[in-house]
Amino acid sequence: MDSARRNVALLSGCQGLLLINNSVLITVNAIAGYTFATDKTLATLPVTAYFLGAALTTVPASFLMKHAGRRAGFMAGAACAMLGAALCAWAVYVESFWLLCTGTLALGAYFAAGQHYRFAAADAAPAEFKHKAISLVLAGGVIGGFIGPETSKLTNEAFSGHVFLGPYLSLIVFAAFSMLILLWLDIPRLPAAVRAEAGRPLSAIARQPVFIVAVLSGVVGYGVMNLLMTTTPIAMAGHDHHFSDAAFVIQWHVVAMFAPSFVTGALIQRFGLMPVMLTGVALNLACVAVALGGAGVMNFWLSMVLLGVGWNFMFVGATSLLTETHTPAERAKVQGVNDAAIFSTLVVSSLSAGALFSLEGWQAMNIYAVPFLILGGAGILWLAASRRRSSRPAT
């Protein structure tokens, strides 16, 4: 258990640095894209490229970790972060929209590798510590919620005549810190016999109701969150709110995404997975209601806080469900396919976000989120009912 807790602490620190990266990009990417794009409907393309990079590399990252170990895969991700941040900084310096997209594409590989922090914690934890290990690693994101937006504000105009250059350069430093922490990570590689074992075909695994709902919940929770979060800075700018107000809102959104993780594992143990996940759906619907109620800074703030907590309950629950669906030999392909589905959804949601906002506005985007949340909630209710039926004694 001591080794598991030590690994959780290290992975939580890495999660915090990953979320500094993410929150800086959330705060800056869409506005930088809007600044440099000649076609403003493409403003969120740098965000899309980030998630596309993650979608393209998540399965390779899974298999790299299966065969070379978790630490090697995480190190490779941090190296991609340094490369991508350097390209983004150069793009800002030369004011190149397409080079900016290339840089965020490379940064996406870091995001893909970092999504395995939670899985690494679960894999190395005893069964009774698994839910808490997942949630405590995600709790490290609170660091990113505070430091990321503050870094954006402090460095945004650090280089005269080159707005946004400072935030991208700062990401190189944070990725280097992540590599230093990873030197202390000690998660044994899978035994050679397990690495060589193929396990069940993916088609058989995917027919499990628990797998279907785990992936559906992750996709809906992340997709809706990304759709609304990506355009929040642009929507606030459109309502004449200052950049610092947008950074404040994003800061609290990221905190709300990860601060509940200190208690989410305990809530799951006390109330069960399904009630916690359904509460996440309800909080997302409340986010939409608040966003439709007005366009003041506090409307944006409260809606993003509700969105963050709702995402946390759905995502931690979905991750916990996914760990029930595979053997150690099947881990890489199941985790890779799950995250590929999530990242593909993020590609679509971020790509459509700019066009939807430009064509139909902020309120319409919130309304479009509702059917997906209803679908996610229906899936969770279906699985809960299925489990209740299977637990009844035969008569």
Protein backbone atom coordinates (compact mmCIF):
# COMPACT_ATOMS: atom_id res chain seq x y z
CA MET A 1 0.00 0.00 0.00
CA ASP A 2 2.89 2.41 0.76
CA SER A 3 4.20 1.99 -2.78
CA ALA A 4 0.72 2.56 -4.20
CA ARG A 5 0.28 5.77 -2.20
CA ARG A 6 3.71 7.01 -3.26
CA ASN A 7 2.90 6.39 -6.91
CA VAL A 8 -0.46 8.12 -6.48
CA ALA A 9 1.28 11.19 -5.03
CA LEU A 10 3.76 11.33 -7.93
CA LEU A 11 1.05 10.78 -10.54
CA SER A 12 -1.09 13.43 -8.87
CA GLY A 13 1.79 15.89 -9.27
CA CYS A 14 2.11 14.95 -12.94
CA GLN A 15 -1.65 15.39 -13.33
CA GLY A 16 -1.31 18.88 -11.87
CA LEU A 17 1.38 19.78 -14.41
CA LEU A 18 -0.72 18.30 -17.23
CA LEU A 19 -3.64 20.46 -16.15
CA ILE A 20 -1.45 23.56 -15.99
CA ASN A 21 -0.73 22.78 -19.63
CA ASN A 22 -4.43 22.25 -20.38
CA SER A 23 -5.71 25.32 -18.57
CA VAL A 24 -3.13 27.57 -20.23
CA LEU A 25 -4.21 26.18 -23.60
CA ILE A 26 -7.91 26.55 -22.73
CA THR A 27 -7.36 30.19 -21.80
CA VAL A 28 -5.15 31.09 -24.76
CA ASN A 29 -5.71 28.72 -27.70
CA ALA A 30 -9.14 29.80 -28.90
CA ILE A 31 -8.35 33.52 -28.56
CA ALA A 32 -4.96 33.08 -30.27
CA GLY A 33 -6.68 31.12 -33.03
CA TYR A 34 -9.29 33.85 -33.40
CA THR A 35 -6.51 36.46 -33.58
CA PHE A 36 -4.45 34.74 -36.29
CA ALA A 37 -7.20 33.05 -38.36
CA THR A 38 -8.37 34.91 -41.44
CA ASP A 39 -11.57 32.82 -41.40
CA LYS A 40 -13.00 33.32 -37.91
CA THR A 41 -15.11 30.15 -38.10
CA LEU A 42 -11.78 28.30 -37.83
CA ALA A 43 -10.89 30.05 -34.55
CA THR A 44 -11.11 26.86 -32.49
CA LEU A 45 -9.05 24.79 -34.96
CA PRO A 46 -5.93 24.97 -32.71
CA VAL A 47 -8.08 23.42 -29.97
CA THR A 48 -9.29 20.78 -32.43
CA ALA A 49 -5.70 20.03 -33.46
CA TYR A 50 -4.83 19.48 -29.79
CA PHE A 51 -7.52 16.84 -29.43
CA LEU A 52 -6.78 15.37 -32.86
CA GLY A 53 -3.17 14.87 -31.78
CA ALA A 54 -4.45 13.11 -28.67
CA ALA A 55 -6.85 10.93 -30.67
CA LEU A 56 -4.11 9.88 -33.10
CA THR A 57 -1.62 8.95 -30.37
CA THR A 58 -3.73 7.47 -27.58
CA VAL A 59 -3.71 3.87 -28.86
CA PRO A 60 0.04 3.95 -29.69
CA ALA A 61 0.63 5.42 -26.22
CA SER A 62 -1.32 2.55 -24.63
CA PHE A 63 0.74 -0.09 -26.41
CA LEU A 64 4.02 1.76 -25.74
CA MET A 65 3.19 1.64 -22.03
CA LYS A 66 2.20 -2.02 -22.26
CA HIS A 67 5.55 -3.03 -23.74
CA ALA A 68 8.00 -0.36 -22.47
CA GLY A 69 6.33 0.54 -19.18
CA ARG A 70 4.29 3.44 -17.85
CA ARG A 71 7.26 5.71 -17.11
CA ALA A 72 8.65 5.45 -20.66
CA GLY A 73 5.26 6.33 -22.12
CA PHE A 74 4.82 9.30 -19.79
CA MET A 75 8.34 10.56 -20.57
CA ALA A 76 7.61 10.40 -24.30
CA GLY A 77 4.44 12.43 -23.74
CA ALA A 78 6.32 15.14 -21.82
CA ALA A 79 8.91 15.34 -24.61
CA CYS A 80 6.09 15.92 -27.11
CA ALA A 81 4.80 18.71 -24.86
CA MET A 82 8.14 20.50 -25.00
CA LEU A 83 8.28 20.19 -28.79
CA GLY A 84 4.68 21.32 -29.25
CA ALA A 85 5.01 24.31 -26.92
CA ALA A 86 8.14 25.44 -28.75
CA LEU A 87 6.29 25.25 -32.09
CA CYS A 88 3.35 27.23 -30.67
CA ALA A 89 5.69 29.91 -29.34
CA TRP A 90 7.35 30.21 -32.73
CA ALA A 91 3.91 30.36 -34.39
CA VAL A 92 2.95 33.31 -32.21
CA TYR A 93 6.25 35.04 -32.96
CA VAL A 94 5.72 34.76 -36.74
CA GLU A 95 1.90 35.06 -36.46
CA SER A 96 1.24 31.77 -38.27
CA PHE A 97 -2.18 30.22 -37.68
CA TRP A 98 -1.27 26.89 -39.30
CA LEU A 99 2.01 26.55 -37.39
CA LEU A 100 0.01 27.16 -34.21
CA CYS A 101 -2.24 24.24 -35.17
CA THR A 102 0.84 22.07 -35.79
CA GLY A 103 2.20 22.88 -32.35
CA THR A 104 -1.06 22.06 -30.60
CA LEU A 105 -1.21 18.80 -32.59
CA ALA A 106 2.12 17.79 -31.01
CA LEU A 107 0.92 18.91 -27.58
CA GLY A 108 -2.01 16.53 -28.01
CA ALA A 109 0.35 13.56 -27.64
CA TYR A 110 1.17 14.81 -24.13
CA PHE A 111 -2.54 14.96 -23.31
CA ALA A 112 -3.00 11.40 -24.62
CA ALA A 113 -0.16 10.04 -22.50
CA GLY A 114 -1.32 12.01 -19.46
CA GLN A 115 -4.80 10.48 -19.62
CA HIS A 116 -3.13 7.24 -18.50
CA TYR A 117 -2.08 8.71 -15.14
CA ARG A 118 -5.43 7.64 -13.69
CA PHE A 119 -5.17 4.17 -15.19
CA ALA A 120 -1.61 3.75 -13.91
CA ALA A 121 -2.78 4.57 -10.39
CA ALA A 122 -5.65 2.08 -10.62
CA ASP A 123 -3.45 -0.66 -12.07
CA ALA A 124 -0.93 -0.44 -9.23
CA ALA A 125 -3.47 -0.05 -6.39
CA PRO A 126 -5.09 -2.76 -4.26
CA ALA A 127 -8.79 -3.34 -5.02
CA GLU A 128 -9.97 -1.49 -1.90
CA PHE A 129 -7.90 1.59 -2.83
CA LYS A 130 -8.72 1.67 -6.56
CA HIS A 131 -11.58 4.23 -6.56
CA LYS A 132 -9.64 6.56 -4.26
CA ALA A 133 -6.44 6.14 -6.29
CA ILE A 134 -8.23 7.27 -9.46
CA SER A 135 -9.89 10.25 -7.79
CA LEU A 136 -6.76 11.35 -5.89
CA VAL A 137 -4.67 11.37 -9.07
CA LEU A 138 -7.32 13.49 -10.79
CA ALA A 139 -7.34 15.76 -7.73
CA GLY A 140 -3.87 16.87 -8.73
CA GLY A 141 -5.57 18.88 -11.44
CA VAL A 142 -6.51 21.46 -8.81
CA ILE A 143 -2.91 22.68 -9.09
CA GLY A 144 -3.50 23.34 -12.77
CA GLY A 145 -6.73 25.15 -12.02
CA PHE A 146 -4.93 27.78 -9.96
CA ILE A 147 -1.52 27.99 -11.60
CA GLY A 148 -2.49 27.64 -15.28
CA PRO A 149 -4.77 30.68 -15.71
CA GLU A 150 -2.53 32.76 -13.42
CA THR A 151 0.43 31.82 -15.60
CA SER A 152 -1.55 32.93 -18.65
CA LYS A 153 -2.34 36.29 -17.08
CA LEU A 154 1.19 36.93 -15.82
CA THR A 155 2.97 35.92 -19.03
CA ASN A 156 0.43 36.94 -21.67
CA GLU A 157 2.08 40.29 -22.37
CA ALA A 158 5.58 39.46 -21.12
CA PHE A 159 7.05 39.93 -24.60
CA SER A 160 6.25 43.32 -26.09
CA GLY A 161 4.54 43.03 -29.46
CA HIS A 162 4.00 39.27 -29.11
CA VAL A 163 0.86 38.59 -27.08
CA PHE A 164 0.46 34.85 -26.17
CA LEU A 165 4.19 34.11 -26.57
CA GLY A 166 4.82 33.94 -22.81
CA PRO A 167 2.13 31.36 -21.99
CA TYR A 168 3.38 28.93 -24.65
CA LEU A 169 7.00 29.28 -23.52
CA SER A 170 5.96 28.57 -19.93
CA LEU A 171 4.62 25.17 -21.00
CA ILE A 172 8.16 24.03 -21.87
CA VAL A 173 9.21 24.62 -18.26
CA PHE A 174 6.22 22.78 -16.80
CA ALA A 175 6.80 19.76 -19.07
CA ALA A 176 10.42 19.62 -17.89
CA PHE A 177 9.21 19.53 -14.26
CA SER A 178 6.95 16.61 -15.18
CA MET A 179 9.93 14.67 -16.52
CA LEU A 180 11.79 15.22 -13.25
CA ILE A 181 8.88 13.86 -11.19
CA LEU A 182 8.59 10.81 -13.45
CA LEU A 183 12.16 9.80 -12.60
CA TRP A 184 10.82 8.69 -9.18
CA LEU A 185 7.81 6.76 -10.48
CA ASP A 186 8.02 3.01 -9.80
CA ILE A 187 5.29 0.98 -11.52
CA PRO A 188 6.52 -2.49 -12.56
CA ARG A 189 6.11 -3.50 -16.19
CA LEU A 190 3.65 -6.28 -16.93
CA PRO A 191 5.25 -9.76 -16.92
CA ALA A 192 6.43 -10.91 -20.34
CA ALA A 193 3.79 -13.64 -20.47
CA VAL A 194 1.00 -11.11 -19.88
CA ARG A 195 2.45 -8.68 -22.45
CA ALA A 196 2.44 -11.48 -25.03
CA GLU A 197 -1.14 -12.55 -24.24
CA ALA A 198 -3.78 -11.18 -26.62
CA GLY A 199 -6.84 -11.56 -24.37
CA ARG A 200 -10.39 -11.51 -25.68
CA PRO A 201 -11.19 -9.82 -28.99
CA LEU A 202 -12.29 -6.21 -28.62
CA SER A 203 -15.69 -7.07 -30.11
CA ALA A 204 -16.37 -9.41 -27.18
CA ILE A 205 -15.26 -6.83 -24.61
CA ALA A 206 -17.35 -4.10 -26.24
CA ARG A 207 -20.55 -6.15 -25.92
CA GLN A 208 -20.46 -5.86 -22.14
CA PRO A 209 -23.13 -3.41 -20.87
CA VAL A 210 -20.63 -1.98 -18.38
CA PHE A 211 -18.16 -1.23 -21.20
CA ILE A 212 -20.86 0.47 -23.29
CA VAL A 213 -21.93 2.73 -20.43
CA ALA A 214 -18.36 3.46 -19.33
CA VAL A 215 -17.43 4.68 -22.81
CA LEU A 216 -20.76 6.48 -23.32
CA SER A 217 -20.46 8.34 -20.02
CA GLY A 218 -16.87 9.34 -20.71
CA VAL A 219 -17.74 10.51 -24.22
CA VAL A 220 -20.83 12.49 -23.18
CA GLY A 221 -19.24 14.03 -20.09
CA TYR A 222 -16.06 15.08 -21.87
CA GLY A 223 -17.76 16.07 -25.13
CA VAL A 224 -20.33 18.38 -23.52
CA MET A 225 -17.72 19.87 -21.21
CA ASN A 226 -15.37 20.56 -24.12
CA LEU A 227 -18.07 22.04 -26.35
CA LEU A 228 -19.05 24.62 -23.76
CA MET A 229 -15.63 25.23 -22.20
CA THR A 230 -13.84 25.79 -25.53
CA THR A 231 -16.06 28.68 -26.55
CA THR A 232 -16.44 30.29 -23.13
CA PRO A 233 -13.44 32.68 -23.57
CA ILE A 234 -14.71 33.70 -27.02
CA ALA A 235 -18.29 34.09 -25.76
CA MET A 236 -17.08 36.26 -22.88
CA ALA A 237 -15.02 38.40 -25.26
CA GLY A 238 -18.13 38.74 -27.44
CA HIS A 239 -20.01 40.11 -24.44
CA ASP A 240 -17.21 42.65 -23.80
CA HIS A 241 -15.76 40.88 -20.76
CA HIS A 242 -12.02 41.38 -20.16
CA PHE A 243 -9.39 38.66 -20.74
CA SER A 244 -8.75 38.54 -16.99
CA ASP A 245 -12.46 37.75 -16.44
CA ALA A 246 -12.23 34.85 -18.88
CA ALA A 247 -9.08 33.60 -17.14
CA PHE A 248 -10.89 33.84 -13.78
CA VAL A 249 -13.84 31.80 -15.09
CA ILE A 250 -11.61 29.14 -16.65
CA GLN A 251 -9.54 29.00 -13.47
CA TRP A 252 -12.57 28.13 -11.37
CA HIS A 253 -13.88 25.75 -14.02
CA VAL A 254 -10.65 23.73 -13.88
CA VAL A 255 -10.67 23.81 -10.07
CA ALA A 256 -14.28 22.56 -10.13
CA MET A 257 -13.26 19.76 -12.49
CA PHE A 258 -10.66 18.38 -10.10
CA ALA A 259 -11.25 19.60 -6.53
CA PRO A 260 -14.20 17.18 -6.04
CA SER A 261 -11.77 14.33 -6.67
CA PHE A 262 -10.64 14.59 -3.04
CA VAL A 263 -14.06 13.18 -2.10
CA THR A 264 -15.43 11.55 -5.27
CA GLY A 265 -13.88 8.18 -4.47
CA ALA A 266 -15.38 8.26 -0.97
CA LEU A 267 -18.77 9.29 -2.40
CA ILE A 268 -18.68 6.35 -4.80
CA GLN A 269 -17.85 3.97 -1.96
CA ARG A 270 -20.71 5.32 0.15
CA PHE A 271 -23.48 5.93 -2.39
CA GLY A 272 -22.41 3.79 -5.36
CA LEU A 273 -21.20 4.54 -8.87
CA MET A 274 -24.58 5.05 -10.53
CA PRO A 275 -25.96 7.73 -8.15
CA VAL A 276 -22.73 9.73 -8.34
CA MET A 277 -22.67 9.55 -12.16
CA LEU A 278 -26.36 10.56 -12.38
CA THR A 279 -25.62 13.52 -10.10
CA GLY A 280 -22.96 14.49 -12.64
CA VAL A 281 -25.55 14.49 -15.42
CA ALA A 282 -27.90 16.64 -13.30
CA LEU A 283 -25.13 19.17 -12.60
CA ASN A 284 -24.40 19.44 -16.32
CA LEU A 285 -28.07 20.19 -16.98
CA ALA A 286 -27.96 22.83 -14.24
CA CYS A 287 -24.95 24.37 -16.01
CA VAL A 288 -27.03 24.75 -19.17
CA ALA A 289 -29.88 26.37 -17.23
CA VAL A 290 -27.55 28.95 -15.65
CA ALA A 291 -25.87 29.71 -19.00
CA LEU A 292 -29.27 30.33 -20.58
CA GLY A 293 -30.17 32.68 -17.74
CA GLY A 294 -27.76 35.48 -18.71
CA ALA A 295 -24.35 36.53 -20.01
CA GLY A 296 -22.82 38.25 -16.99
CA VAL A 297 -19.46 37.20 -15.59
CA MET A 298 -21.18 35.41 -12.70
CA ASN A 299 -23.42 33.48 -15.10
CA PHE A 300 -20.34 32.25 -16.93
CA TRP A 301 -18.60 31.51 -13.62
CA LEU A 302 -21.43 29.51 -12.06
CA SER A 303 -22.22 27.59 -15.24
CA MET A 304 -18.55 26.61 -15.65
CA VAL A 305 -18.28 25.55 -11.99
CA LEU A 306 -21.36 23.32 -12.36
CA LEU A 307 -19.96 21.96 -15.62
CA GLY A 308 -16.66 21.13 -13.93
CA VAL A 309 -18.17 19.25 -10.99
CA GLY A 310 -20.58 17.43 -13.30
CA TRP A 311 -17.71 16.35 -15.53
CA ASN A 312 -15.77 15.07 -12.52
CA PHE A 313 -18.59 12.83 -11.27
CA MET A 314 -19.22 11.41 -14.74
CA PHE A 315 -15.54 10.94 -15.63
CA VAL A 316 -14.35 9.37 -12.38
CA GLY A 317 -17.37 7.07 -12.50
CA ALA A 318 -16.73 6.13 -16.13
CA THR A 319 -13.07 5.40 -15.38
CA SER A 320 -14.02 3.20 -12.43
CA LEU A 321 -16.52 1.31 -14.59
CA LEU A 322 -13.92 0.76 -17.29
CA THR A 323 -11.55 -0.97 -14.85
CA GLU A 324 -14.22 -3.68 -14.43
CA THR A 325 -14.21 -4.60 -18.12
CA HIS A 326 -10.73 -6.00 -18.82
CA THR A 327 -7.97 -8.33 -17.69
CA PRO A 328 -4.35 -7.09 -17.36
CA ALA A 329 -3.56 -8.47 -20.83
CA GLU A 330 -6.51 -6.55 -22.33
CA ARG A 331 -5.71 -3.31 -20.52
CA ALA A 332 -3.84 -1.52 -23.33
CA LYS A 333 -6.43 -2.02 -26.04
CA VAL A 334 -9.41 -1.27 -23.79
CA GLN A 335 -7.88 1.89 -22.34
CA GLY A 336 -6.62 2.95 -25.76
CA VAL A 337 -9.99 2.46 -27.47
CA ASN A 338 -11.84 4.21 -24.64
CA ASP A 339 -9.60 7.27 -24.82
CA ALA A 340 -9.64 7.23 -28.63
CA ALA A 341 -13.44 7.44 -28.48
CA ILE A 342 -13.23 10.34 -26.03
CA PHE A 343 -10.60 12.23 -28.02
CA SER A 344 -12.49 11.70 -31.28
CA THR A 345 -15.50 13.28 -29.59
CA LEU A 346 -13.32 16.17 -28.44
CA VAL A 347 -12.12 16.67 -32.01
CA VAL A 348 -15.70 16.91 -33.26
CA SER A 349 -16.92 19.09 -30.38
CA SER A 350 -14.02 21.54 -30.59
CA LEU A 351 -14.16 21.72 -34.39
CA SER A 352 -17.90 22.36 -34.36
CA ALA A 353 -17.70 24.78 -31.43
CA GLY A 354 -16.23 27.66 -33.43
CA ALA A 355 -18.68 27.28 -36.30
CA LEU A 356 -21.69 26.82 -33.99
CA PHE A 357 -20.78 29.87 -31.95
CA SER A 358 -20.16 32.02 -35.04
CA LEU A 359 -23.38 30.93 -36.73
CA GLU A 360 -25.84 30.43 -33.86
CA GLY A 361 -24.41 31.93 -30.68
CA TRP A 362 -23.72 30.93 -27.10
CA GLN A 363 -27.25 30.06 -25.98
CA ALA A 364 -27.88 27.72 -28.92
CA MET A 365 -24.70 25.80 -28.08
CA ASN A 366 -25.97 25.17 -24.57
CA ILE A 367 -29.30 23.92 -25.88
CA TYR A 368 -27.53 21.49 -28.22
CA ALA A 369 -25.83 19.89 -25.21
CA VAL A 370 -29.11 18.77 -23.61
CA PRO A 371 -29.96 15.74 -25.82
CA PHE A 372 -26.49 14.28 -25.30
CA LEU A 373 -26.81 14.63 -21.52
CA ILE A 374 -30.20 12.91 -21.63
CA LEU A 375 -28.62 10.07 -23.63
CA GLY A 376 -25.82 9.71 -21.08
CA GLY A 377 -28.26 9.70 -18.18
CA ALA A 378 -30.43 7.09 -19.90
CA GLY A 379 -27.41 4.82 -20.36
CA ILE A 380 -26.49 5.06 -16.67
CA LEU A 381 -30.10 4.31 -15.63
CA TRP A 382 -30.15 1.31 -17.99
CA LEU A 383 -26.99 -0.14 -16.46
CA ALA A 384 -28.26 0.49 -12.92
CA ALA A 385 -31.52 -1.32 -13.73
CA SER A 386 -29.60 -4.16 -15.36
CA ARG A 387 -27.43 -4.59 -12.27
CA ARG A 388 -30.45 -4.58 -9.97
CA ARG A 389 -32.12 -7.30 -12.04
CA SER A 390 -28.99 -9.46 -12.08
CA SER A 391 -28.57 -9.13 -8.30
CA ARG A 392 -32.07 -10.41 -7.53
CA PRO A 393 -32.15 -14.00 -6.32
CA ALA A 394 -33.65 -16.48 -8.78
CA THR A 395 -37.20 -17.62 -7.92
